[in-house]
Every structure is written in C-alpha cells, then in structure tokens.
C-alpha cells in the first residue's frame, strides 16, 4: 500500500506552494493527496 502526502497547489499556475499560502488564499489554492514512496528501479 502506498503512502500519501497532503500537498497544496496554486490553481492558476499549477505549481506547489507552502501550506501557509493555502490558509491565506483558500479560493486560489487546491489541497490534494499525492502518492509518495520509493522510486522504482530502472533497468
């Protein structure tokens, strides 16, 4: 089972922003869960 991490993204630019930014501008930010885990080995 993969782990998830809560990330905040700017709705206009699509870039990740700090969580404090979401508290200041809740209408222009999106909080989403992103899968995190070890990187798969490349062959």
C-alpha atoms as a PDB file:
ATOM      1  CA  UNK A   1       0.000   0.000   0.000  1.00  0.00           C
ATOM      2  CA  UNK A   2       1.442   3.353  -0.994  1.00  0.00           C
ATOM      3  CA  UNK A   3       1.684   6.296   1.345  1.00  0.00           C
ATOM      4  CA  UNK A   4       0.080   9.630   0.582  1.00  0.00           C
ATOM      5  CA  UNK A   5       1.149  13.145   1.462  1.00  0.00           C
ATOM      6  CA  UNK A   6      -1.022  16.252   1.501  1.00  0.00           C
ATOM      7  CA  UNK A   7       0.267  18.901  -0.931  1.00  0.00           C
ATOM      8  CA  UNK A   8      -1.052  22.352  -1.806  1.00  0.00           C
ATOM      9  CA  UNK A   9      -1.120  23.569  -5.405  1.00  0.00           C
ATOM     10  CA  UNK A  10      -1.850  27.007  -6.874  1.00  0.00           C
ATOM     11  CA  UNK A  11      -4.935  26.835  -9.099  1.00  0.00           C
ATOM     12  CA  UNK A  12      -3.666  29.403 -11.600  1.00  0.00           C
ATOM     13  CA  UNK A  13      -0.092  28.290 -12.222  1.00  0.00           C
ATOM     14  CA  UNK A  14      -0.305  24.656 -11.101  1.00  0.00           C
ATOM     15  CA  UNK A  15       2.856  24.953  -9.003  1.00  0.00           C
ATOM     16  CA  UNK A  16       3.185  23.576  -5.488  1.00  0.00           C
ATOM     17  CA  UNK A  17       3.040  26.233  -2.755  1.00  0.00           C
ATOM     18  CA  UNK A  18       3.540  26.141   1.041  1.00  0.00           C
ATOM     19  CA  UNK A  19       0.587  25.172   3.250  1.00  0.00           C
ATOM     20  CA  UNK A  20       0.605  28.647   4.844  1.00  0.00           C
ATOM     21  CA  UNK A  21      -0.221  30.067   1.418  1.00  0.00           C
ATOM     22  CA  UNK A  22      -3.399  27.961   1.292  1.00  0.00           C
ATOM     23  CA  UNK A  23      -4.569  29.436   4.581  1.00  0.00           C
ATOM     24  CA  UNK A  24      -4.082  32.960   3.211  1.00  0.00           C
ATOM     25  CA  UNK A  25      -5.707  32.328  -0.193  1.00  0.00           C
ATOM     26  CA  UNK A  26      -8.204  29.449   0.074  1.00  0.00           C
ATOM     27  CA  UNK A  27     -10.059  30.386  -3.127  1.00  0.00           C
ATOM     28  CA  UNK A  28      -6.997  30.136  -5.362  1.00  0.00           C
ATOM     29  CA  UNK A  29      -5.330  27.020  -3.913  1.00  0.00           C
ATOM     30  CA  UNK A  30      -6.134  23.317  -4.147  1.00  0.00           C
ATOM     31  CA  UNK A  31      -5.229  20.779  -1.448  1.00  0.00           C
ATOM     32  CA  UNK A  32      -4.656  17.297  -2.829  1.00  0.00           C
ATOM     33  CA  UNK A  33      -3.137  13.987  -1.772  1.00  0.00           C
ATOM     34  CA  UNK A  34      -0.089  12.825  -3.738  1.00  0.00           C
ATOM     35  CA  UNK A  35       1.343   9.304  -3.649  1.00  0.00           C
ATOM     36  CA  UNK A  36       4.851   9.178  -2.212  1.00  0.00           C
ATOM     37  CA  UNK A  37       7.197   6.260  -1.846  1.00  0.00           C
ATOM     38  CA  UNK A  38      10.395   4.715  -3.078  1.00  0.00           C
ATOM     39  CA  UNK A  39      11.469   5.306  -6.667  1.00  0.00           C
ATOM     40  CA  UNK A  40      11.124   2.185  -8.819  1.00  0.00           C
ATOM     41  CA  UNK A  41      14.354   0.676 -10.079  1.00  0.00           C
ATOM     42  CA  UNK A  42      15.178   1.361 -13.711  1.00  0.00           C
ATOM     43  CA  UNK A  43      16.529  -1.462 -15.836  1.00  0.00           C
END
